[in-house]
């Protein structure tokens, strides 16, 4: 299977010195970014920032307070920024740098890892495989981390020379954080502590890594680094770009720019958690803007159900008063939509809703 259209590396476009972006990257008027956001001037925005230190401690009062903060963020926003999260700040810096070094390699070196329409894995520049799928102003490198049976380090870059080692070490620490957060979320929802992790497949739970590169763009007001979407999986732990605030989240109808706190990670609720929690927790529609003066790198770890497991609302969260809201479906079936069409807001999730009077 081959790509339906020629794959163009956005970094190469940017470095060619063009003054206008090609038409296929220009978004419809309704989808273009508002770089000065009305919401930030006309209503108070208190973006959730949570210190996770007490989630790891033994003080029950402080632990409960942290749990309540996570609960409010997952119910009201679908994401939060986390500090004191247990991931080494020095390792975060190394991980960012090693991927910046990768994207700065000559194109021929990166092309050795070019991905195909049959898999995200490798070096890529588009998410949707259909002709006419959404194109964004970004390149990426995608790899499998969990389960171990899918982890193939020979498909990971061997340049820079420390890349594989850094990715493995970074992934190990972020997996620990993810499991702690899944336990906290299960407990808050009134489920057994291991419920979500087990429902995702336990030791066979999926974890994927994507390094995103956002090149400089001569017309940032016309395009996006990543179009509006909710993450199709469970939760995402994002190491944001350090220099430029690029992530925007949709809240109460407004696009709000998230200014990253130094050394923070961003935790994003995905569609499978919304389904499993019967919409008590909400996945968040988000997008990424680009910049004319600075390029950027962000790193995302996606934690997903085992692909052949059926995901549905937890029985404990379904009642006569609150019936199941979404059709049950395997994650493999669910994610096909984004694989074919690229990012499309929350359309896929909304399409699963049962018709209720």
Protein backbone atom coordinates (compact mmCIF):
# COMPACT_ATOMS: atom_id res chain seq x y z
CA UNK A 1 0.00 0.00 0.00
CA UNK A 2 1.36 3.43 -0.95
CA UNK A 3 0.39 6.95 0.08
CA UNK A 4 -2.40 8.40 -2.12
CA UNK A 5 -0.44 11.64 -2.53
CA UNK A 6 3.24 12.51 -2.43
CA UNK A 7 4.42 12.93 1.16
CA UNK A 8 6.05 16.32 1.68
CA UNK A 9 8.28 16.94 4.69
CA UNK A 10 7.06 20.14 6.30
CA UNK A 11 10.51 20.92 7.69
CA UNK A 12 11.89 20.87 4.14
CA UNK A 13 9.11 23.21 3.02
CA UNK A 14 9.89 25.59 5.86
CA UNK A 15 13.63 25.56 5.20
CA UNK A 16 13.12 26.18 1.47
CA UNK A 17 12.38 29.84 2.22
CA UNK A 18 8.79 29.93 0.97
CA UNK A 19 6.76 33.04 1.87
CA UNK A 20 3.31 31.48 1.41
CA UNK A 21 2.21 28.03 2.53
CA UNK A 22 0.77 25.57 -0.03
CA UNK A 23 -3.02 25.54 -0.31
CA UNK A 24 -3.40 22.06 1.18
CA UNK A 25 -2.17 23.36 4.56
CA UNK A 26 -4.56 26.32 4.70
CA UNK A 27 -7.43 25.70 7.10
CA UNK A 28 -11.05 26.76 6.52
CA UNK A 29 -11.87 30.12 8.11
CA UNK A 30 -13.72 28.48 10.99
CA UNK A 31 -10.71 26.30 11.89
CA UNK A 32 -7.94 28.88 11.73
CA UNK A 33 -6.21 29.77 14.99
CA UNK A 34 -7.03 32.98 16.79
CA UNK A 35 -3.59 33.97 18.00
CA UNK A 36 -4.94 36.63 20.38
CA UNK A 37 -7.72 34.82 22.13
CA UNK A 38 -10.89 36.59 23.21
CA UNK A 39 -11.32 34.17 26.10
CA UNK A 40 -8.10 35.26 27.76
CA UNK A 41 -9.24 38.85 27.93
CA UNK A 42 -12.95 38.54 28.64
CA UNK A 43 -13.19 35.80 31.25
CA UNK A 44 -10.95 34.58 34.00
CA UNK A 45 -9.19 31.38 32.99
CA UNK A 46 -7.84 29.24 35.80
CA UNK A 47 -6.06 26.41 33.97
CA UNK A 48 -5.63 23.45 36.34
CA UNK A 49 -2.11 23.05 37.71
CA UNK A 50 -1.66 20.13 40.11
CA UNK A 51 1.29 19.34 42.37
CA UNK A 52 1.46 15.54 42.38
CA UNK A 53 3.97 15.29 45.25
CA UNK A 54 1.30 14.29 47.75
CA UNK A 55 -0.12 11.65 45.42
CA UNK A 56 3.06 9.67 46.07
CA UNK A 57 3.12 10.42 49.82
CA UNK A 58 1.49 8.77 52.82
CA UNK A 59 -0.45 11.69 54.31
CA UNK A 60 -4.12 10.70 53.71
CA UNK A 61 -5.44 14.27 53.95
CA UNK A 62 -2.98 15.68 51.41
CA UNK A 63 -3.43 12.61 49.19
CA UNK A 64 -7.21 13.15 49.15
CA UNK A 65 -6.78 16.84 48.36
CA UNK A 66 -4.62 15.96 45.34
CA UNK A 67 -7.14 13.33 44.26
CA UNK A 68 -9.93 15.93 44.43
CA UNK A 69 -7.93 18.31 42.26
CA UNK A 70 -7.34 15.60 39.66
CA UNK A 71 -11.04 14.75 39.77
CA UNK A 72 -12.14 18.34 39.14
CA UNK A 73 -9.69 18.76 36.27
CA UNK A 74 -10.78 15.51 34.56
CA UNK A 75 -14.47 16.34 34.95
CA UNK A 76 -14.37 20.03 34.02
CA UNK A 77 -11.41 20.40 31.67
CA UNK A 78 -10.24 17.01 30.43
CA UNK A 79 -6.61 17.90 31.09
CA UNK A 80 -4.22 19.39 33.64
CA UNK A 81 -0.63 20.48 34.03
CA UNK A 82 1.36 18.45 36.55
CA UNK A 83 4.45 19.39 38.56
CA UNK A 84 6.44 17.25 41.01
CA UNK A 85 5.37 14.33 38.84
CA UNK A 86 8.37 12.09 39.46
CA UNK A 87 9.91 12.31 35.99
CA UNK A 88 13.48 13.60 36.09
CA UNK A 89 13.78 17.19 34.84
CA UNK A 90 17.25 16.43 33.50
CA UNK A 91 15.87 13.45 31.57
CA UNK A 92 13.07 15.62 30.17
CA UNK A 93 15.67 18.07 28.84
CA UNK A 94 17.75 15.27 27.33
CA UNK A 95 14.69 13.75 25.67
CA UNK A 96 13.73 17.08 24.09
CA UNK A 97 17.28 17.66 22.88
CA UNK A 98 17.80 14.21 21.40
CA UNK A 99 14.68 14.60 19.28
CA UNK A 100 15.61 18.12 18.22
CA UNK A 101 18.96 16.66 17.13
CA UNK A 102 17.14 13.93 15.19
CA UNK A 103 14.94 16.38 13.29
CA UNK A 104 18.04 18.46 12.48
CA UNK A 105 19.68 15.48 10.75
CA UNK A 106 19.97 15.54 6.93
CA UNK A 107 16.74 14.49 5.24
CA UNK A 108 18.34 11.32 3.81
CA UNK A 109 19.13 10.06 7.33
CA UNK A 110 15.55 10.62 8.50
CA UNK A 111 14.08 9.09 5.36
CA UNK A 112 15.59 5.73 6.34
CA UNK A 113 12.79 5.58 8.93
CA UNK A 114 9.95 6.85 6.69
CA UNK A 115 6.64 5.30 7.66
CA UNK A 116 4.02 3.71 5.41
CA UNK A 117 0.21 4.02 5.27
CA UNK A 118 -0.06 0.64 7.01
CA UNK A 119 1.51 1.93 10.24
CA UNK A 120 2.24 5.17 12.05
CA UNK A 121 5.58 3.75 13.19
CA UNK A 122 8.53 5.74 11.91
CA UNK A 123 9.17 9.19 10.45
CA UNK A 124 6.03 10.82 9.11
CA UNK A 125 4.32 14.01 8.02
CA UNK A 126 0.64 13.07 7.81
CA UNK A 127 -1.77 11.21 10.10
CA UNK A 128 -4.64 10.38 7.75
CA UNK A 129 -4.06 7.89 4.92
CA UNK A 130 -7.04 8.77 2.71
CA UNK A 131 -6.59 11.07 -0.27
CA UNK A 132 -7.56 14.55 0.87
CA UNK A 133 -7.00 13.77 4.57
CA UNK A 134 -6.14 16.64 6.90
CA UNK A 135 -2.59 17.96 6.51
CA UNK A 136 -0.90 19.88 9.31
CA UNK A 137 2.27 21.96 9.62
CA UNK A 138 4.36 19.33 11.41
CA UNK A 139 6.54 16.25 11.06
CA UNK A 140 6.76 13.47 13.63
CA UNK A 141 8.41 10.22 14.68
CA UNK A 142 6.13 7.53 16.09
CA UNK A 143 7.17 4.34 17.88
CA UNK A 144 5.67 1.54 19.97
CA UNK A 145 6.74 1.28 23.61
CA UNK A 146 4.27 -1.16 25.21
CA UNK A 147 3.54 -3.99 25.29
CA UNK A 148 7.11 -5.24 25.18
CA UNK A 149 6.16 -7.65 22.36
CA UNK A 150 5.60 -4.65 20.04
CA UNK A 151 8.72 -2.74 21.09
CA UNK A 152 11.27 -2.98 18.29
CA UNK A 153 14.25 -0.76 18.98
CA UNK A 154 15.71 -1.49 15.56
CA UNK A 155 12.95 0.78 14.24
CA UNK A 156 14.00 3.57 16.60
CA UNK A 157 16.56 6.11 15.36
CA UNK A 158 20.20 5.18 15.90
CA UNK A 159 21.15 8.83 15.43
CA UNK A 160 21.86 10.62 17.70
CA UNK A 161 23.73 7.68 19.21
CA UNK A 162 22.01 8.02 22.61
CA UNK A 163 18.46 8.24 21.17
CA UNK A 164 17.35 4.68 21.89
CA UNK A 165 18.74 4.76 25.42
CA UNK A 166 17.09 8.10 26.22
CA UNK A 167 13.70 7.05 24.80
CA UNK A 168 13.75 3.81 26.81
CA UNK A 169 14.67 5.62 30.04
CA UNK A 170 12.15 8.42 29.51
CA UNK A 171 9.41 5.93 28.64
CA UNK A 172 10.07 3.90 31.79
CA UNK A 173 9.59 6.93 34.05
CA UNK A 174 6.48 8.15 32.23
CA UNK A 175 4.90 4.67 32.40
CA UNK A 176 5.29 4.75 36.20
CA UNK A 177 3.55 8.12 36.31
CA UNK A 178 0.76 6.87 34.05
CA UNK A 179 0.04 3.87 36.27
CA UNK A 180 -0.10 6.10 39.34
CA UNK A 181 -2.57 8.42 37.60
CA UNK A 182 -4.77 5.55 36.38
CA UNK A 183 -5.01 4.27 39.97
CA UNK A 184 -5.95 7.74 41.18
CA UNK A 185 -8.63 8.09 38.50
CA UNK A 186 -10.07 4.64 39.22
CA UNK A 187 -10.28 5.44 42.93
CA UNK A 188 -11.93 8.80 42.30
CA UNK A 189 -14.56 7.16 40.07
CA UNK A 190 -15.43 4.71 42.86
CA UNK A 191 -13.82 1.76 41.07
CA UNK A 192 -11.18 -0.67 42.27
CA UNK A 193 -7.73 0.91 42.18
CA UNK A 194 -6.51 -1.30 39.31
CA UNK A 195 -9.77 -1.10 37.33
CA UNK A 196 -8.73 1.14 34.43
CA UNK A 197 -5.31 -0.43 34.00
CA UNK A 198 -6.83 -3.92 33.97
CA UNK A 199 -9.61 -2.84 31.59
CA UNK A 200 -6.87 -1.57 29.27
CA UNK A 201 -5.21 -4.99 29.31
CA UNK A 202 -2.95 -4.89 32.38
CA UNK A 203 0.55 -5.94 31.30
CA UNK A 204 -0.67 -5.87 27.69
CA UNK A 205 -1.80 -2.23 27.85
CA UNK A 206 -0.54 -0.23 24.89
CA UNK A 207 1.84 2.71 25.06
CA UNK A 208 3.06 4.66 22.05
CA UNK A 209 5.45 7.57 21.76
CA UNK A 210 5.37 10.43 19.29
CA UNK A 211 7.98 13.15 18.91
CA UNK A 212 6.41 16.17 17.19
CA UNK A 213 8.41 18.76 15.25
CA UNK A 214 6.71 22.07 14.40
CA UNK A 215 8.81 23.99 11.83
CA UNK A 216 8.70 27.76 11.48
CA UNK A 217 5.72 28.82 9.38
CA UNK A 218 5.55 31.96 7.21
CA UNK A 219 1.75 32.23 7.68
CA UNK A 220 0.92 30.81 11.13
CA UNK A 221 -2.49 32.48 11.12
CA UNK A 222 -3.65 30.24 8.26
CA UNK A 223 -2.72 26.78 9.50
CA UNK A 224 -2.15 24.53 12.51
CA UNK A 225 0.65 22.29 13.71
CA UNK A 226 -2.00 19.75 14.69
CA UNK A 227 -5.68 20.19 13.89
CA UNK A 228 -8.48 20.06 16.44
CA UNK A 229 -8.98 16.57 17.87
CA UNK A 230 -9.50 14.56 21.01
CA UNK A 231 -7.01 11.77 21.62
CA UNK A 232 -8.62 8.44 20.69
CA UNK A 233 -6.89 6.44 23.45
CA UNK A 234 -6.81 6.48 27.25
CA UNK A 235 -4.56 9.22 28.56
CA UNK A 236 -1.70 11.18 27.03
CA UNK A 237 1.27 12.56 28.94
CA UNK A 238 2.76 15.45 26.98
CA UNK A 239 6.13 17.14 27.41
CA UNK A 240 5.37 20.50 25.79
CA UNK A 241 7.60 22.78 23.78
CA UNK A 242 9.75 24.77 26.18
CA UNK A 243 9.97 28.09 24.31
CA UNK A 244 6.57 28.78 22.74
CA UNK A 245 3.04 28.20 24.05
CA UNK A 246 1.50 26.14 21.25
CA UNK A 247 -1.16 23.91 22.81
CA UNK A 248 -4.74 25.22 22.83
CA UNK A 249 -7.68 23.50 24.53
CA UNK A 250 -11.38 24.03 23.91
CA UNK A 251 -13.26 25.02 27.07
CA UNK A 252 -16.80 26.41 27.15
CA UNK A 253 -16.58 27.25 23.46
CA UNK A 254 -13.30 29.16 23.70
CA UNK A 255 -9.85 28.13 22.50
CA UNK A 256 -7.46 28.75 25.38
CA UNK A 257 -3.68 28.77 25.05
CA UNK A 258 -1.86 26.69 27.65
CA UNK A 259 1.29 28.45 28.85
CA UNK A 260 3.51 25.59 30.05
CA UNK A 261 4.82 25.82 33.59
CA UNK A 262 8.59 25.08 33.70
CA UNK A 263 9.34 21.37 34.17
CA UNK A 264 5.66 20.44 33.96
CA UNK A 265 3.98 17.63 32.07
CA UNK A 266 0.50 17.93 30.59
CA UNK A 267 -1.98 15.11 31.24
CA UNK A 268 -4.72 14.82 28.60
CA UNK A 269 -7.83 12.66 28.97
CA UNK A 270 -8.63 10.58 25.88
CA UNK A 271 -11.87 9.23 24.44
CA UNK A 272 -11.56 5.74 25.96
CA UNK A 273 -11.58 7.22 29.47
CA UNK A 274 -14.66 9.27 28.61
CA UNK A 275 -16.41 6.11 27.40
CA UNK A 276 -15.27 3.99 30.36
CA UNK A 277 -16.28 6.65 32.91
CA UNK A 278 -19.65 7.09 31.16
CA UNK A 279 -18.74 10.73 30.50
CA UNK A 280 -17.97 11.57 34.13
CA UNK A 281 -14.49 12.37 32.85
CA UNK A 282 -14.30 14.29 29.58
CA UNK A 283 -11.75 14.00 26.81
CA UNK A 284 -10.59 17.41 25.64
CA UNK A 285 -10.64 18.83 22.13
CA UNK A 286 -7.23 20.39 21.56
CA UNK A 287 -4.97 21.65 18.80
CA UNK A 288 -1.46 23.04 18.26
CA UNK A 289 -0.56 26.41 16.75
CA UNK A 290 2.65 27.25 14.90
CA UNK A 291 5.01 30.20 14.96
CA UNK A 292 6.85 32.25 12.34
CA UNK A 293 9.94 32.90 14.48
CA UNK A 294 10.59 29.63 16.31
CA UNK A 295 10.30 25.94 15.58
CA UNK A 296 9.45 23.56 18.39
CA UNK A 297 9.55 20.01 19.72
CA UNK A 298 7.03 18.26 21.96
CA UNK A 299 6.93 14.64 23.13
CA UNK A 300 3.72 12.69 23.68
CA UNK A 301 3.25 9.29 25.35
CA UNK A 302 -0.15 7.75 24.59
CA UNK A 303 -1.54 5.06 26.90
CA UNK A 304 -4.22 2.97 25.22
CA UNK A 305 -6.29 -0.17 25.68
CA UNK A 306 -5.01 -3.40 24.16
CA UNK A 307 -6.27 -3.12 20.61
CA UNK A 308 -8.69 -6.08 20.63
CA UNK A 309 -10.36 -5.32 23.97
CA UNK A 310 -13.92 -4.01 23.99
CA UNK A 311 -14.16 -0.69 25.83
CA UNK A 312 -17.46 0.27 27.41
CA UNK A 313 -18.80 2.09 30.45
CA UNK A 314 -17.86 0.46 33.75
CA UNK A 315 -20.87 -1.39 35.18
CA UNK A 316 -20.51 0.49 38.45
CA UNK A 317 -21.03 3.78 36.60
CA UNK A 318 -24.21 2.73 34.78
CA UNK A 319 -27.66 2.97 36.33
CA UNK A 320 -31.28 3.51 35.36
CA UNK A 321 -30.79 7.20 36.04
CA UNK A 322 -27.50 7.28 34.11
CA UNK A 323 -27.60 4.65 31.35
CA UNK A 324 -24.54 3.87 29.23
CA UNK A 325 -24.00 6.74 26.82
CA UNK A 326 -21.73 5.11 24.23
CA UNK A 327 -21.66 2.04 22.05
CA UNK A 328 -19.09 -0.57 23.11
CA UNK A 329 -16.23 -1.00 20.65
CA UNK A 330 -12.68 -2.34 20.44
CA UNK A 331 -9.94 0.27 20.45
CA UNK A 332 -8.66 -1.13 17.15
CA UNK A 333 -12.02 -0.41 15.52
CA UNK A 334 -12.35 2.97 17.18
CA UNK A 335 -9.01 4.41 16.06
CA UNK A 336 -9.49 3.55 12.38
CA UNK A 337 -11.39 6.83 11.92
CA UNK A 338 -8.39 9.03 12.76
CA UNK A 339 -6.07 6.72 10.86
CA UNK A 340 -8.09 7.24 7.70
CA UNK A 341 -9.17 10.88 7.94
CA UNK A 342 -6.71 12.51 10.35
CA UNK A 343 -7.73 14.82 13.22
CA UNK A 344 -11.47 15.68 13.20
CA UNK A 345 -12.42 17.22 16.56
CA UNK A 346 -14.62 14.93 18.67
CA UNK A 347 -16.77 13.71 15.77
CA UNK A 348 -15.80 10.07 16.21
CA UNK A 349 -16.72 9.98 19.89
CA UNK A 350 -20.01 11.80 19.32
CA UNK A 351 -20.92 9.28 16.61
CA UNK A 352 -20.90 6.49 19.23
CA UNK A 353 -23.58 8.07 21.39
CA UNK A 354 -26.76 6.09 21.77
CA UNK A 355 -29.88 7.88 20.56
CA UNK A 356 -31.76 8.87 23.69
CA UNK A 357 -35.12 10.59 23.83
